[in-house]
């Protein structure tokens, strides 16, 4: 950002990049926005541009308010904070009051959203890993074929699972008959996790493919998540509600800053992103 003078852009041949966004008397050029866009990935460039513009406007609003209040000298960085981050922290600590939700507020939210508060779903799993490297096309085809053959045999004689695991599996669990024990979501690799939690109880009809190869999988038991009582989730609810209140107050605070330091051009950029 620059005070009234935009920096040269890559395509401007030395001329200032066009500027249509201002905060007070401070210009934010297209070059500024383009640099910021790398931190705001989006499906469309217009959306990324709008997110970058919003971020730069907020930063400039906070910078101007820090300067107006003379807070920089008292802002001592903590940990890996930059001087700018420390000054913003001091400003927000001064201007936005932390509000801890009352227990009755937490109970009300709990009663209105009881189905959200459950212990994780769990499944008890056995598997046989038929290993093949991701780029080994022939090896992966052979692993799949072997997996289909083992599934056909296990349908006829389920008691052979531990024996097949010991003979064929590349996973250390082969010594325990392929037992992986009780699993919750997120405890295995994403592609295995995503597939096995969709399976019904019993032997899977097809091998499950992951980066490691193909797996013969048996879901021995499934336990749905149980409802949690209020005491188990009160801290989580309190933190969530406190964050919601703080975000609303921060939004109101930024709207107030825009009255003190007028913003021009952001509406047009956001309209282009919404078109």
Protein backbone atom coordinates (compact mmCIF):
# COMPACT_ATOMS: atom_id res chain seq x y z
CA UNK A 1 0.00 0.00 0.00
CA UNK A 2 1.10 3.51 -0.64
CA UNK A 3 0.03 6.96 0.50
CA UNK A 4 -1.45 8.41 -2.67
CA UNK A 5 1.10 6.89 -5.05
CA UNK A 6 0.73 3.36 -6.37
CA UNK A 7 3.78 1.27 -7.15
CA UNK A 8 4.63 0.38 -10.77
CA UNK A 9 2.83 -2.71 -12.01
CA UNK A 10 4.35 -5.50 -14.08
CA UNK A 11 2.45 -4.37 -17.21
CA UNK A 12 2.55 -0.63 -16.66
CA UNK A 13 5.96 0.08 -18.28
CA UNK A 14 6.94 2.35 -15.41
CA UNK A 15 3.56 4.06 -15.03
CA UNK A 16 1.68 3.74 -11.72
CA UNK A 17 -0.68 0.76 -11.53
CA UNK A 18 -4.33 1.83 -11.58
CA UNK A 19 -5.88 2.50 -8.20
CA UNK A 20 -9.60 2.32 -7.50
CA UNK A 21 -9.48 1.34 -3.81
CA UNK A 22 -8.81 3.81 -1.01
CA UNK A 23 -9.00 3.94 2.78
CA UNK A 24 -9.13 7.56 3.87
CA UNK A 25 -6.37 9.20 1.85
CA UNK A 26 -4.39 5.95 1.45
CA UNK A 27 -4.45 4.21 -1.93
CA UNK A 28 -4.41 0.45 -2.37
CA UNK A 29 -3.28 -0.32 -5.91
CA UNK A 30 -4.02 -3.29 -8.12
CA UNK A 31 -0.38 -4.25 -7.64
CA UNK A 32 -0.97 -4.38 -3.86
CA UNK A 33 -4.06 -6.52 -4.38
CA UNK A 34 -2.29 -8.86 -6.81
CA UNK A 35 0.47 -9.53 -4.28
CA UNK A 36 -2.09 -10.24 -1.55
CA UNK A 37 -4.13 -12.60 -3.75
CA UNK A 38 -1.61 -15.42 -3.30
CA UNK A 39 -2.85 -15.72 0.30
CA UNK A 40 -6.52 -15.96 -0.72
CA UNK A 41 -7.10 -18.94 -3.00
CA UNK A 42 -10.57 -19.13 -4.54
CA UNK A 43 -12.46 -20.85 -7.35
CA UNK A 44 -12.47 -17.65 -9.44
CA UNK A 45 -9.88 -14.86 -9.73
CA UNK A 46 -12.58 -12.27 -8.98
CA UNK A 47 -13.31 -13.96 -5.65
CA UNK A 48 -9.62 -14.12 -4.77
CA UNK A 49 -9.25 -10.43 -5.70
CA UNK A 50 -12.21 -9.45 -3.51
CA UNK A 51 -10.87 -11.43 -0.53
CA UNK A 52 -7.44 -9.83 -0.95
CA UNK A 53 -8.97 -6.36 -1.20
CA UNK A 54 -11.00 -6.93 1.98
CA UNK A 55 -7.92 -8.10 3.85
CA UNK A 56 -5.91 -5.06 2.77
CA UNK A 57 -8.75 -2.69 3.70
CA UNK A 58 -9.04 -4.23 7.19
CA UNK A 59 -5.27 -4.03 7.67
CA UNK A 60 -5.22 -0.39 6.64
CA UNK A 61 -8.21 0.47 8.86
CA UNK A 62 -6.44 -1.08 11.85
CA UNK A 63 -3.12 0.59 10.97
CA UNK A 64 -4.73 4.02 10.80
CA UNK A 65 -6.51 3.48 14.11
CA UNK A 66 -3.30 2.30 15.80
CA UNK A 67 -1.61 5.44 14.51
CA UNK A 68 -4.49 7.68 15.65
CA UNK A 69 -4.40 6.24 19.17
CA UNK A 70 -0.59 6.15 19.36
CA UNK A 71 -0.50 2.49 20.38
CA UNK A 72 2.67 1.35 18.61
CA UNK A 73 5.09 2.27 21.44
CA UNK A 74 3.24 0.09 23.96
CA UNK A 75 2.89 -2.89 21.62
CA UNK A 76 5.57 -5.41 22.59
CA UNK A 77 5.66 -8.50 20.34
CA UNK A 78 4.96 -11.84 22.01
CA UNK A 79 6.62 -14.96 20.64
CA UNK A 80 6.90 -14.77 16.86
CA UNK A 81 4.62 -11.75 16.47
CA UNK A 82 5.67 -8.97 14.13
CA UNK A 83 5.45 -5.38 15.35
CA UNK A 84 2.30 -4.94 13.23
CA UNK A 85 0.65 -8.05 14.71
CA UNK A 86 1.52 -6.91 18.23
CA UNK A 87 0.00 -3.48 17.63
CA UNK A 88 -3.19 -5.03 16.23
CA UNK A 89 -3.45 -7.31 19.28
CA UNK A 90 -3.08 -4.35 21.65
CA UNK A 91 -5.70 -2.40 19.71
CA UNK A 92 -8.27 -5.20 19.75
CA UNK A 93 -7.63 -6.00 23.41
CA UNK A 94 -8.33 -2.35 24.17
CA UNK A 95 -11.36 -1.86 21.94
CA UNK A 96 -13.16 -5.23 22.01
CA UNK A 97 -14.28 -6.61 25.36
CA UNK A 98 -13.96 -10.35 25.96
CA UNK A 99 -17.33 -11.74 26.97
CA UNK A 100 -17.53 -15.19 28.52
CA UNK A 101 -20.98 -16.72 27.88
CA UNK A 102 -23.17 -17.43 30.90
CA UNK A 103 -23.92 -21.05 31.77
CA UNK A 104 -27.59 -20.48 30.90
CA UNK A 105 -26.55 -19.36 27.39
CA UNK A 106 -24.49 -22.51 26.99
CA UNK A 107 -27.35 -24.71 28.23
CA UNK A 108 -29.77 -23.04 25.85
CA UNK A 109 -27.44 -23.70 22.89
CA UNK A 110 -26.95 -27.30 24.06
CA UNK A 111 -30.69 -27.97 24.25
CA UNK A 112 -31.24 -26.47 20.79
CA UNK A 113 -28.43 -28.52 19.21
CA UNK A 114 -28.34 -31.81 21.14
CA UNK A 115 -27.79 -33.95 18.03
CA UNK A 116 -24.49 -32.19 17.33
CA UNK A 117 -22.97 -33.42 20.55
CA UNK A 118 -22.15 -37.09 20.21
CA UNK A 119 -19.10 -39.20 20.85
CA UNK A 120 -17.31 -40.26 17.63
CA UNK A 121 -18.65 -43.19 15.62
CA UNK A 122 -16.34 -46.22 15.93
CA UNK A 123 -15.78 -49.35 13.86
CA UNK A 124 -13.78 -52.50 14.63
CA UNK A 125 -11.79 -53.44 11.54
CA UNK A 126 -9.67 -56.27 10.17
CA UNK A 127 -7.77 -55.95 6.91
CA UNK A 128 -5.27 -57.61 4.61
CA UNK A 129 -2.97 -55.19 2.82
CA UNK A 130 -1.91 -56.34 -0.65
CA UNK A 131 0.86 -53.83 -1.18
CA UNK A 132 1.68 -52.15 -4.51
CA UNK A 133 3.37 -48.83 -5.26
CA UNK A 134 1.15 -46.05 -6.70
CA UNK A 135 3.06 -46.03 -10.00
CA UNK A 136 3.21 -49.85 -10.36
CA UNK A 137 0.28 -50.44 -12.68
CA UNK A 138 0.89 -54.16 -13.10
CA UNK A 139 1.49 -54.63 -9.38
CA UNK A 140 -1.73 -52.84 -8.46
CA UNK A 141 -3.74 -54.90 -10.94
CA UNK A 142 -2.24 -58.08 -9.48
CA UNK A 143 -3.04 -56.88 -5.94
CA UNK A 144 -6.65 -56.21 -6.90
CA UNK A 145 -6.97 -59.61 -8.54
CA UNK A 146 -5.54 -61.30 -5.44
CA UNK A 147 -7.89 -59.31 -3.26
CA UNK A 148 -10.93 -60.39 -5.25
CA UNK A 149 -9.79 -64.03 -5.02
CA UNK A 150 -9.31 -63.79 -1.24
CA UNK A 151 -12.74 -62.20 -0.81
CA UNK A 152 -14.33 -65.07 -2.76
CA UNK A 153 -12.54 -67.61 -0.53
CA UNK A 154 -13.49 -65.77 2.67
CA UNK A 155 -17.15 -65.75 1.67
CA UNK A 156 -16.97 -69.52 1.63
CA UNK A 157 -14.87 -69.81 4.79
CA UNK A 158 -14.64 -66.62 6.95
CA UNK A 159 -12.42 -68.43 9.48
CA UNK A 160 -9.51 -68.22 7.03
CA UNK A 161 -9.13 -64.43 7.48
CA UNK A 162 -6.31 -64.63 10.05
CA UNK A 163 -4.47 -67.22 7.98
CA UNK A 164 -4.73 -65.12 4.80
CA UNK A 165 -3.60 -62.03 6.71
CA UNK A 166 -0.50 -63.83 7.97
CA UNK A 167 0.33 -65.16 4.50
CA UNK A 168 -0.50 -62.15 2.32
CA UNK A 169 -0.69 -58.89 4.30
CA UNK A 170 2.11 -56.32 4.16
CA UNK A 171 0.79 -54.61 7.31
CA UNK A 172 2.28 -55.40 10.77
CA UNK A 173 -1.27 -56.23 11.85
CA UNK A 174 -0.87 -59.55 10.02
CA UNK A 175 0.57 -60.99 13.26
CA UNK A 176 -2.75 -60.18 14.98
CA UNK A 177 -4.88 -61.70 12.24
CA UNK A 178 -5.21 -58.36 10.45
CA UNK A 179 -6.84 -56.71 13.49
CA UNK A 180 -6.73 -52.91 13.46
CA UNK A 181 -8.96 -52.68 16.53
CA UNK A 182 -11.46 -49.88 17.13
CA UNK A 183 -11.06 -46.91 14.79
CA UNK A 184 -12.51 -43.40 14.85
CA UNK A 185 -12.62 -41.08 11.87
CA UNK A 186 -9.25 -39.46 11.19
CA UNK A 187 -7.10 -42.21 12.71
CA UNK A 188 -6.02 -43.75 9.38
CA UNK A 189 -4.97 -42.41 5.99
CA UNK A 190 -7.73 -40.21 4.47
CA UNK A 191 -8.63 -42.47 1.54
CA UNK A 192 -8.86 -45.60 3.73
CA UNK A 193 -10.79 -43.71 6.40
CA UNK A 194 -13.24 -42.27 3.87
CA UNK A 195 -14.06 -45.68 2.39
CA UNK A 196 -14.20 -48.00 5.39
CA UNK A 197 -16.60 -45.77 7.34
CA UNK A 198 -19.08 -46.13 4.49
CA UNK A 199 -19.01 -49.92 4.59
CA UNK A 200 -21.70 -52.01 6.29
CA UNK A 201 -20.76 -54.65 8.84
CA UNK A 202 -19.20 -57.78 7.41
CA UNK A 203 -16.74 -58.58 4.65
CA UNK A 204 -16.44 -55.86 2.00
CA UNK A 205 -17.51 -57.10 -1.43
CA UNK A 206 -14.56 -55.48 -3.23
CA UNK A 207 -10.98 -54.57 -2.26
CA UNK A 208 -10.50 -51.06 -0.89
CA UNK A 209 -7.85 -49.14 -2.86
CA UNK A 210 -5.42 -46.70 -1.21
CA UNK A 211 -1.98 -45.30 -1.96
CA UNK A 212 -0.52 -48.42 -0.31
CA UNK A 213 -2.28 -50.93 -2.54
CA UNK A 214 -5.53 -52.89 -2.15
CA UNK A 215 -7.08 -53.97 1.15
CA UNK A 216 -9.39 -56.84 1.91
CA UNK A 217 -11.55 -55.34 4.68
CA UNK A 218 -13.95 -56.78 7.22
CA UNK A 219 -16.03 -54.55 9.51
CA UNK A 220 -16.62 -56.67 12.59
CA UNK A 221 -18.67 -54.18 14.58
CA UNK A 222 -19.98 -50.63 14.32
CA UNK A 223 -20.87 -48.38 17.23
CA UNK A 224 -22.66 -45.12 16.49
CA UNK A 225 -21.72 -42.07 18.51
CA UNK A 226 -23.61 -41.70 21.78
CA UNK A 227 -25.22 -38.51 23.00
CA UNK A 228 -22.97 -36.51 25.32
CA UNK A 229 -24.27 -34.78 28.42
CA UNK A 230 -23.96 -31.04 29.01
CA UNK A 231 -21.02 -31.28 31.42
CA UNK A 232 -18.93 -33.06 28.77
CA UNK A 233 -19.37 -30.28 26.21
CA UNK A 234 -19.88 -27.09 28.23
CA UNK A 235 -16.29 -25.90 27.72
CA UNK A 236 -16.54 -26.50 23.96
CA UNK A 237 -19.87 -24.65 23.72
CA UNK A 238 -18.59 -21.74 25.80
CA UNK A 239 -15.53 -21.33 23.54
CA UNK A 240 -17.72 -21.47 20.42
CA UNK A 241 -20.21 -18.90 21.69
CA UNK A 242 -17.42 -16.61 22.87
CA UNK A 243 -15.85 -16.75 19.42
CA UNK A 244 -19.19 -15.97 17.75
CA UNK A 245 -19.73 -12.93 19.98
CA UNK A 246 -16.19 -11.71 19.39
CA UNK A 247 -16.55 -12.04 15.62
CA UNK A 248 -19.80 -10.05 15.66
CA UNK A 249 -18.24 -7.33 17.81
CA UNK A 250 -15.17 -7.23 15.57
CA UNK A 251 -17.42 -6.81 12.53
CA UNK A 252 -19.27 -3.95 14.23
CA UNK A 253 -15.97 -2.37 15.24
CA UNK A 254 -14.67 -2.49 11.65
CA UNK A 255 -17.90 -0.92 10.39
CA UNK A 256 -17.34 1.89 12.87
CA UNK A 257 -13.79 2.36 11.64
CA UNK A 258 -15.09 2.72 8.09
CA UNK A 259 -17.14 5.70 9.24
CA UNK A 260 -14.00 7.30 10.65
CA UNK A 261 -11.77 6.29 7.72
CA UNK A 262 -14.02 6.10 4.62
CA UNK A 263 -13.47 3.17 2.27
CA UNK A 264 -14.05 3.67 -1.44
CA UNK A 265 -13.97 1.08 -4.23
CA UNK A 266 -14.40 -2.11 -2.18
CA UNK A 267 -18.09 -2.40 -3.07
CA UNK A 268 -17.31 -2.44 -6.77
CA UNK A 269 -14.66 -5.14 -6.32
CA UNK A 270 -17.06 -7.30 -4.29
CA UNK A 271 -19.83 -6.78 -6.85
CA UNK A 272 -17.51 -8.04 -9.60
CA UNK A 273 -16.77 -11.15 -7.53
CA UNK A 274 -20.49 -11.83 -7.01
CA UNK A 275 -21.40 -11.38 -10.68
